[in-house]
């Protein structure tokens, strides 16, 4: 199958569609799609996110086990989103930082938290081989 013809899909919980729309459309720049009182389809840079309402949500303790986001192939695109998030005063769960500096796994990252405690990570790898490769390296994420 041609991977260029495949889109990623993720459904995630929210408690309010209007608030979700404000964060994801106005804040992150997603394109809105179909919408009902209990769901909203979003285009996040060519990938389909679907917000579904639920009655209650609670924050998880730390960035693990659950978060989602994008891996940028151009550092300038990562930096543009970082500046956009700052300009829109989105809630940073973790500010920008560099992980594994000086190694083949080196990458820049930041985490946002939406109004429903969903965590979004945005990364740029200095060495593209680290995205799916570098299997001889054993580091993944931050040490807990």
N, C-alpha and C. Protein backbone atom coordinates (compact mmCIF):
# COMPACT_ATOMS: atom_id res chain seq x y z
N UNK A 1 0.84 -1.17 0.00
CA UNK A 1 0.00 0.00 0.00
C UNK A 1 0.89 1.24 0.00
N UNK A 2 0.56 2.22 -0.79
CA UNK A 2 1.29 3.47 -0.87
C UNK A 2 1.02 4.30 0.38
N UNK A 3 2.06 4.54 1.20
CA UNK A 3 1.85 5.27 2.44
C UNK A 3 1.40 6.70 2.20
N UNK A 4 1.65 7.26 1.03
CA UNK A 4 1.18 8.61 0.73
C UNK A 4 -0.34 8.65 0.62
N UNK A 5 -0.97 7.51 0.42
CA UNK A 5 -2.43 7.44 0.30
C UNK A 5 -3.10 7.08 1.62
N UNK A 6 -2.35 7.12 2.72
CA UNK A 6 -2.88 6.73 4.02
C UNK A 6 -2.84 7.93 4.95
N UNK A 7 -3.93 8.14 5.65
CA UNK A 7 -4.01 9.21 6.64
C UNK A 7 -4.13 8.60 8.03
N UNK A 8 -3.59 9.27 9.01
CA UNK A 8 -3.72 8.85 10.39
C UNK A 8 -5.04 9.37 10.95
N UNK A 9 -5.72 8.55 11.78
CA UNK A 9 -6.99 8.91 12.40
C UNK A 9 -6.86 8.69 13.91
N UNK A 10 -7.34 9.66 14.68
CA UNK A 10 -7.33 9.52 16.14
C UNK A 10 -8.59 10.14 16.69
N UNK A 11 -9.31 9.39 17.51
CA UNK A 11 -10.46 9.91 18.24
C UNK A 11 -10.01 10.17 19.67
N UNK A 12 -10.49 11.26 20.25
CA UNK A 12 -10.05 11.63 21.60
C UNK A 12 -11.21 12.30 22.34
N UNK A 13 -11.15 12.29 23.67
CA UNK A 13 -12.26 12.80 24.47
C UNK A 13 -12.18 14.31 24.75
N UNK A 14 -13.35 14.94 24.73
CA UNK A 14 -13.51 16.33 25.14
C UNK A 14 -14.83 16.42 25.91
N UNK A 15 -15.04 17.52 26.61
CA UNK A 15 -16.31 17.69 27.31
C UNK A 15 -17.20 18.74 26.65
N UNK A 16 -16.64 19.52 25.70
CA UNK A 16 -17.40 20.60 25.10
C UNK A 16 -16.88 20.86 23.68
N UNK A 17 -17.75 20.78 22.70
CA UNK A 17 -17.34 20.93 21.30
C UNK A 17 -16.89 22.36 21.00
N UNK A 18 -17.59 23.36 21.52
CA UNK A 18 -17.21 24.75 21.23
C UNK A 18 -15.82 25.06 21.78
N UNK A 19 -15.51 24.59 22.97
CA UNK A 19 -14.20 24.80 23.56
C UNK A 19 -13.13 24.05 22.77
N UNK A 20 -13.45 22.84 22.34
CA UNK A 20 -12.52 22.06 21.52
C UNK A 20 -12.24 22.79 20.21
N UNK A 21 -13.27 23.33 19.60
CA UNK A 21 -13.13 24.04 18.34
C UNK A 21 -12.23 25.27 18.53
N UNK A 22 -12.41 25.97 19.63
CA UNK A 22 -11.58 27.15 19.89
C UNK A 22 -10.11 26.77 20.00
N UNK A 23 -9.80 25.71 20.75
CA UNK A 23 -8.40 25.29 20.92
C UNK A 23 -7.81 24.76 19.62
N UNK A 24 -8.50 23.82 18.99
CA UNK A 24 -7.93 23.12 17.84
C UNK A 24 -8.00 23.94 16.54
N UNK A 25 -9.07 24.68 16.34
CA UNK A 25 -9.21 25.46 15.10
C UNK A 25 -8.55 26.83 15.25
N UNK A 26 -8.99 27.60 16.24
CA UNK A 26 -8.45 28.95 16.42
C UNK A 26 -7.01 28.90 16.93
N UNK A 27 -6.72 28.01 17.86
CA UNK A 27 -5.39 27.94 18.45
C UNK A 27 -4.36 27.22 17.60
N UNK A 28 -4.63 25.96 17.26
CA UNK A 28 -3.66 25.15 16.51
C UNK A 28 -3.75 25.31 15.00
N UNK A 29 -4.85 25.84 14.51
CA UNK A 29 -4.98 26.03 13.07
C UNK A 29 -5.54 24.84 12.32
N UNK A 30 -6.19 23.90 13.04
CA UNK A 30 -6.83 22.78 12.35
C UNK A 30 -8.00 23.29 11.51
N UNK A 31 -8.31 22.57 10.45
CA UNK A 31 -9.48 22.88 9.65
C UNK A 31 -10.65 22.08 10.20
N UNK A 32 -11.78 22.74 10.49
CA UNK A 32 -12.93 21.98 11.01
C UNK A 32 -13.64 21.24 9.89
N UNK A 33 -14.20 20.10 10.24
CA UNK A 33 -14.99 19.31 9.30
C UNK A 33 -16.40 19.17 9.83
N UNK A 34 -16.98 18.00 9.62
CA UNK A 34 -18.35 17.77 10.09
C UNK A 34 -18.41 17.95 11.60
N UNK A 35 -19.58 18.42 12.06
CA UNK A 35 -19.75 18.70 13.48
C UNK A 35 -21.17 18.35 13.91
N UNK A 36 -21.28 17.74 15.07
CA UNK A 36 -22.57 17.51 15.70
C UNK A 36 -22.47 18.06 17.12
N UNK A 37 -23.52 17.93 17.90
CA UNK A 37 -23.48 18.39 19.28
C UNK A 37 -22.49 17.58 20.11
N UNK A 38 -22.12 16.38 19.64
CA UNK A 38 -21.25 15.52 20.45
C UNK A 38 -19.96 15.11 19.75
N UNK A 39 -19.67 15.65 18.56
CA UNK A 39 -18.43 15.29 17.89
C UNK A 39 -18.01 16.37 16.89
N UNK A 40 -16.71 16.40 16.62
CA UNK A 40 -16.14 17.36 15.69
C UNK A 40 -14.98 16.69 14.98
N UNK A 41 -15.01 16.73 13.64
CA UNK A 41 -13.90 16.21 12.85
C UNK A 41 -12.96 17.37 12.56
N UNK A 42 -11.67 17.11 12.73
CA UNK A 42 -10.63 18.12 12.54
C UNK A 42 -9.57 17.62 11.59
N UNK A 43 -9.04 18.52 10.77
CA UNK A 43 -7.92 18.21 9.88
C UNK A 43 -6.68 18.81 10.52
N UNK A 44 -5.82 17.98 11.08
CA UNK A 44 -4.55 18.41 11.67
C UNK A 44 -3.45 18.11 10.67
N UNK A 45 -3.17 19.08 9.80
CA UNK A 45 -2.11 18.96 8.79
C UNK A 45 -2.23 17.68 7.97
N UNK A 46 -3.46 17.39 7.56
CA UNK A 46 -3.70 16.25 6.69
C UNK A 46 -4.07 14.96 7.41
N UNK A 47 -4.22 15.01 8.72
CA UNK A 47 -4.59 13.83 9.50
C UNK A 47 -5.92 14.10 10.19
N UNK A 48 -6.73 13.06 10.34
CA UNK A 48 -8.07 13.22 10.87
C UNK A 48 -8.11 12.99 12.38
N UNK A 49 -8.50 14.03 13.10
CA UNK A 49 -8.78 13.93 14.53
C UNK A 49 -10.28 14.03 14.70
N UNK A 50 -10.82 13.28 15.64
CA UNK A 50 -12.25 13.37 15.92
C UNK A 50 -12.43 13.54 17.42
N UNK A 51 -12.97 14.70 17.79
CA UNK A 51 -13.27 14.98 19.19
C UNK A 51 -14.67 14.44 19.49
N UNK A 52 -14.76 13.63 20.53
CA UNK A 52 -16.05 13.07 20.97
C UNK A 52 -16.28 13.49 22.41
N UNK A 53 -17.50 13.93 22.71
CA UNK A 53 -17.77 14.37 24.06
C UNK A 53 -17.97 13.20 25.01
N UNK A 54 -17.58 13.46 26.24
CA UNK A 54 -17.76 12.54 27.34
C UNK A 54 -18.11 13.39 28.56
N UNK A 55 -18.65 12.75 29.58
CA UNK A 55 -19.14 13.50 30.74
C UNK A 55 -18.03 14.07 31.61
N UNK A 56 -16.98 13.31 31.83
CA UNK A 56 -15.95 13.81 32.74
C UNK A 56 -14.58 13.30 32.32
N UNK A 57 -13.60 14.13 32.59
CA UNK A 57 -12.22 13.81 32.27
C UNK A 57 -11.35 14.21 33.44
N UNK A 58 -10.25 13.54 33.58
CA UNK A 58 -9.29 13.88 34.64
C UNK A 58 -7.90 13.89 34.03
N UNK A 59 -7.04 14.75 34.53
CA UNK A 59 -5.67 14.77 34.00
C UNK A 59 -4.91 13.51 34.38
N UNK A 60 -4.03 13.06 33.47
CA UNK A 60 -3.14 11.96 33.82
C UNK A 60 -1.93 12.54 34.54
N UNK A 61 -1.20 11.71 35.20
CA UNK A 61 -0.03 12.16 35.95
C UNK A 61 1.19 12.06 35.05
N UNK A 62 1.59 13.16 34.45
CA UNK A 62 2.74 13.16 33.57
C UNK A 62 2.36 12.94 32.12
N UNK A 63 3.37 12.93 31.25
CA UNK A 63 3.13 12.81 29.81
C UNK A 63 2.88 11.38 29.35
N UNK A 64 3.13 10.42 30.21
CA UNK A 64 2.91 9.01 29.85
C UNK A 64 1.75 8.48 30.67
N UNK A 65 0.95 7.60 30.11
CA UNK A 65 1.21 6.83 28.92
C UNK A 65 0.63 7.44 27.64
N UNK A 66 -0.25 8.46 27.74
CA UNK A 66 -1.03 8.85 26.57
C UNK A 66 -0.77 10.30 26.18
N UNK A 67 -0.38 10.46 24.93
CA UNK A 67 -0.31 11.77 24.28
C UNK A 67 -0.26 11.54 22.78
N UNK A 68 -0.50 12.58 22.02
CA UNK A 68 -0.43 12.47 20.56
C UNK A 68 0.08 13.78 20.00
N UNK A 69 0.46 13.78 18.73
CA UNK A 69 0.95 15.01 18.13
C UNK A 69 1.52 14.77 16.75
N UNK A 70 2.48 15.61 16.39
CA UNK A 70 3.09 15.54 15.07
C UNK A 70 4.60 15.51 15.18
N UNK A 71 5.23 14.85 14.20
CA UNK A 71 6.68 14.89 14.02
C UNK A 71 6.91 15.71 12.76
N UNK A 72 7.59 16.83 12.89
CA UNK A 72 7.86 17.70 11.75
C UNK A 72 9.14 17.27 11.05
N UNK A 73 9.12 17.34 9.73
CA UNK A 73 10.29 17.00 8.94
C UNK A 73 11.17 18.22 8.69
N UNK A 74 10.62 19.41 8.87
CA UNK A 74 11.38 20.66 8.71
C UNK A 74 11.37 21.40 10.04
N UNK A 75 12.54 21.75 10.52
CA UNK A 75 12.64 22.45 11.80
C UNK A 75 11.91 23.79 11.76
N UNK A 76 11.92 24.45 10.62
CA UNK A 76 11.23 25.74 10.50
C UNK A 76 9.72 25.59 10.70
N UNK A 77 9.14 24.47 10.27
CA UNK A 77 7.71 24.22 10.50
C UNK A 77 7.43 23.99 11.97
N UNK A 78 8.32 23.26 12.66
CA UNK A 78 8.19 23.04 14.10
C UNK A 78 8.26 24.38 14.83
N UNK A 79 9.23 25.20 14.45
CA UNK A 79 9.39 26.51 15.10
C UNK A 79 8.18 27.41 14.83
N UNK A 80 7.61 27.34 13.63
CA UNK A 80 6.43 28.15 13.31
C UNK A 80 5.26 27.77 14.21
N UNK A 81 5.05 26.46 14.44
CA UNK A 81 3.96 26.04 15.32
C UNK A 81 4.26 26.45 16.75
N UNK A 82 5.50 26.35 17.19
CA UNK A 82 5.88 26.79 18.53
C UNK A 82 5.52 28.27 18.71
N UNK A 83 5.88 29.10 17.76
CA UNK A 83 5.58 30.54 17.86
C UNK A 83 4.07 30.79 17.80
N UNK A 84 3.37 30.04 16.97
CA UNK A 84 1.91 30.17 16.90
C UNK A 84 1.27 29.83 18.24
N UNK A 85 1.72 28.74 18.86
CA UNK A 85 1.17 28.34 20.15
C UNK A 85 1.43 29.41 21.21
N UNK A 86 2.61 30.00 21.17
CA UNK A 86 2.92 31.09 22.12
C UNK A 86 2.06 32.31 21.83
N UNK A 87 1.94 32.68 20.55
CA UNK A 87 1.15 33.85 20.17
C UNK A 87 -0.32 33.69 20.55
N UNK A 88 -0.84 32.47 20.42
CA UNK A 88 -2.25 32.20 20.75
C UNK A 88 -2.43 31.91 22.24
N UNK A 89 -1.33 31.94 22.99
CA UNK A 89 -1.33 31.71 24.44
C UNK A 89 -1.96 30.36 24.80
N UNK A 90 -1.58 29.33 24.02
CA UNK A 90 -2.04 27.98 24.32
C UNK A 90 -1.32 27.49 25.57
N UNK A 91 -1.92 26.54 26.24
CA UNK A 91 -1.38 26.03 27.50
C UNK A 91 -0.24 25.05 27.24
N UNK A 92 0.97 25.45 27.61
CA UNK A 92 2.13 24.57 27.48
C UNK A 92 2.19 23.67 28.71
N UNK A 93 2.13 22.36 28.47
CA UNK A 93 2.32 21.39 29.56
C UNK A 93 3.80 21.27 29.87
N UNK A 94 4.62 21.26 28.82
CA UNK A 94 6.08 21.32 28.92
C UNK A 94 6.56 22.25 27.82
N UNK A 95 7.38 23.21 28.19
CA UNK A 95 7.93 24.13 27.21
C UNK A 95 8.92 23.44 26.29
N UNK A 96 9.39 24.20 25.34
CA UNK A 96 10.32 23.63 24.37
C UNK A 96 11.60 23.17 25.05
N UNK A 97 12.10 22.04 24.59
CA UNK A 97 13.38 21.54 25.08
C UNK A 97 14.01 20.65 24.03
N UNK A 98 15.26 20.35 24.27
CA UNK A 98 16.03 19.48 23.38
C UNK A 98 16.32 18.20 24.16
N UNK A 99 15.93 17.07 23.59
CA UNK A 99 16.20 15.77 24.21
C UNK A 99 17.38 15.11 23.51
N UNK A 100 18.15 14.37 24.29
CA UNK A 100 19.25 13.54 23.78
C UNK A 100 20.25 14.32 22.93
N UNK A 101 20.59 15.52 23.38
CA UNK A 101 21.50 16.40 22.64
C UNK A 101 22.81 15.68 22.34
N UNK A 102 23.30 15.87 21.13
CA UNK A 102 24.57 15.29 20.71
C UNK A 102 24.50 13.84 20.26
N UNK A 103 23.31 13.23 20.32
CA UNK A 103 23.18 11.83 19.88
C UNK A 103 22.36 11.79 18.59
N UNK A 104 22.28 10.60 17.99
CA UNK A 104 21.47 10.44 16.78
C UNK A 104 19.97 10.54 17.09
N UNK A 105 19.61 10.53 18.38
CA UNK A 105 18.22 10.65 18.79
C UNK A 105 17.83 12.10 19.12
N UNK A 106 18.75 13.02 18.93
CA UNK A 106 18.49 14.41 19.32
C UNK A 106 17.23 14.95 18.63
N UNK A 107 16.38 15.55 19.45
CA UNK A 107 15.19 16.19 18.89
C UNK A 107 14.71 17.33 19.78
N UNK A 108 13.96 18.22 19.15
CA UNK A 108 13.33 19.33 19.85
C UNK A 108 11.87 18.95 20.07
N UNK A 109 11.33 19.36 21.22
CA UNK A 109 9.98 18.95 21.55
C UNK A 109 9.31 19.99 22.44
N UNK A 110 8.00 20.04 22.38
CA UNK A 110 7.20 20.75 23.37
C UNK A 110 5.84 20.06 23.45
N UNK A 111 5.20 20.22 24.61
CA UNK A 111 3.89 19.63 24.87
C UNK A 111 2.87 20.71 25.15
N UNK A 112 1.72 20.58 24.54
CA UNK A 112 0.58 21.43 24.86
C UNK A 112 -0.45 20.58 25.59
N UNK A 113 -1.27 21.23 26.39
CA UNK A 113 -2.41 20.56 27.02
C UNK A 113 -3.67 21.27 26.58
N UNK A 114 -4.59 20.52 25.99
CA UNK A 114 -5.85 21.14 25.57
C UNK A 114 -6.73 21.34 26.80
N UNK A 115 -7.88 22.00 26.66
CA UNK A 115 -8.74 22.27 27.82
C UNK A 115 -9.34 21.03 28.47
N UNK A 116 -9.09 19.86 27.89
CA UNK A 116 -9.67 18.60 28.39
C UNK A 116 -8.61 17.65 28.91
N UNK A 117 -7.42 18.17 29.16
CA UNK A 117 -6.28 17.43 29.70
C UNK A 117 -5.62 16.50 28.69
N UNK A 118 -5.99 16.58 27.40
CA UNK A 118 -5.29 15.81 26.38
C UNK A 118 -3.94 16.47 26.14
N UNK A 119 -2.89 15.66 26.08
CA UNK A 119 -1.55 16.17 25.87
C UNK A 119 -1.14 15.96 24.42
N UNK A 120 -0.56 17.00 23.82
CA UNK A 120 -0.12 16.97 22.43
C UNK A 120 1.36 17.28 22.39
N UNK A 121 2.13 16.40 21.75
CA UNK A 121 3.57 16.61 21.62
C UNK A 121 3.90 16.93 20.17
N UNK A 122 4.80 17.89 20.00
CA UNK A 122 5.26 18.29 18.68
C UNK A 122 6.78 18.19 18.67
N UNK A 123 7.31 17.43 17.70
CA UNK A 123 8.74 17.11 17.67
C UNK A 123 9.36 17.47 16.33
N UNK A 124 10.66 17.70 16.40
CA UNK A 124 11.50 17.78 15.21
C UNK A 124 12.78 17.02 15.53
N UNK A 125 13.08 15.96 14.77
CA UNK A 125 14.30 15.17 14.94
C UNK A 125 15.42 15.77 14.11
N UNK A 126 16.57 15.96 14.72
CA UNK A 126 17.74 16.50 14.01
C UNK A 126 18.27 15.50 12.99
N UNK A 127 18.05 14.21 13.25
CA UNK A 127 18.48 13.14 12.36
C UNK A 127 17.22 12.34 11.99
N UNK A 128 16.73 12.47 10.77
CA UNK A 128 15.50 11.78 10.38
C UNK A 128 15.51 10.27 10.64
N UNK A 129 16.70 9.67 10.67
CA UNK A 129 16.78 8.22 10.92
C UNK A 129 16.22 7.85 12.28
N UNK A 130 16.15 8.81 13.21
CA UNK A 130 15.65 8.52 14.56
C UNK A 130 14.13 8.37 14.62
N UNK A 131 13.43 8.82 13.59
CA UNK A 131 11.97 8.76 13.62
C UNK A 131 11.49 7.31 13.74
N UNK A 132 12.02 6.43 12.91
CA UNK A 132 11.64 5.02 12.96
C UNK A 132 12.83 4.08 13.15
N UNK A 133 14.01 4.62 13.08
CA UNK A 133 15.21 3.77 13.13
C UNK A 133 16.01 3.96 14.40
N UNK A 134 17.32 3.82 14.25
CA UNK A 134 18.25 3.91 15.38
C UNK A 134 17.88 2.90 16.47
N UNK A 135 17.51 1.70 16.05
CA UNK A 135 17.03 0.68 16.98
C UNK A 135 18.10 0.21 17.96
N UNK A 136 19.38 0.51 17.67
CA UNK A 136 20.43 0.14 18.61
C UNK A 136 20.43 1.07 19.83
N UNK A 137 19.79 2.22 19.72
CA UNK A 137 19.64 3.14 20.84
C UNK A 137 18.48 2.68 21.70
N UNK A 138 18.60 2.81 23.00
CA UNK A 138 17.55 2.29 23.89
C UNK A 138 16.73 3.37 24.56
N UNK A 139 17.01 4.65 24.30
CA UNK A 139 16.24 5.72 24.93
C UNK A 139 14.95 5.97 24.15
N UNK A 140 13.86 6.11 24.90
CA UNK A 140 12.57 6.51 24.34
C UNK A 140 11.97 7.47 25.35
N UNK A 141 11.76 8.71 24.96
CA UNK A 141 11.15 9.68 25.86
C UNK A 141 12.01 10.01 27.05
N UNK A 142 11.38 10.60 28.04
CA UNK A 142 12.07 11.01 29.26
C UNK A 142 12.10 9.86 30.25
N UNK A 143 13.16 9.83 31.05
CA UNK A 143 13.21 8.83 32.13
C UNK A 143 12.16 9.20 33.17
N UNK A 144 11.50 8.22 33.69
CA UNK A 144 10.47 8.48 34.71
C UNK A 144 11.03 8.26 36.08
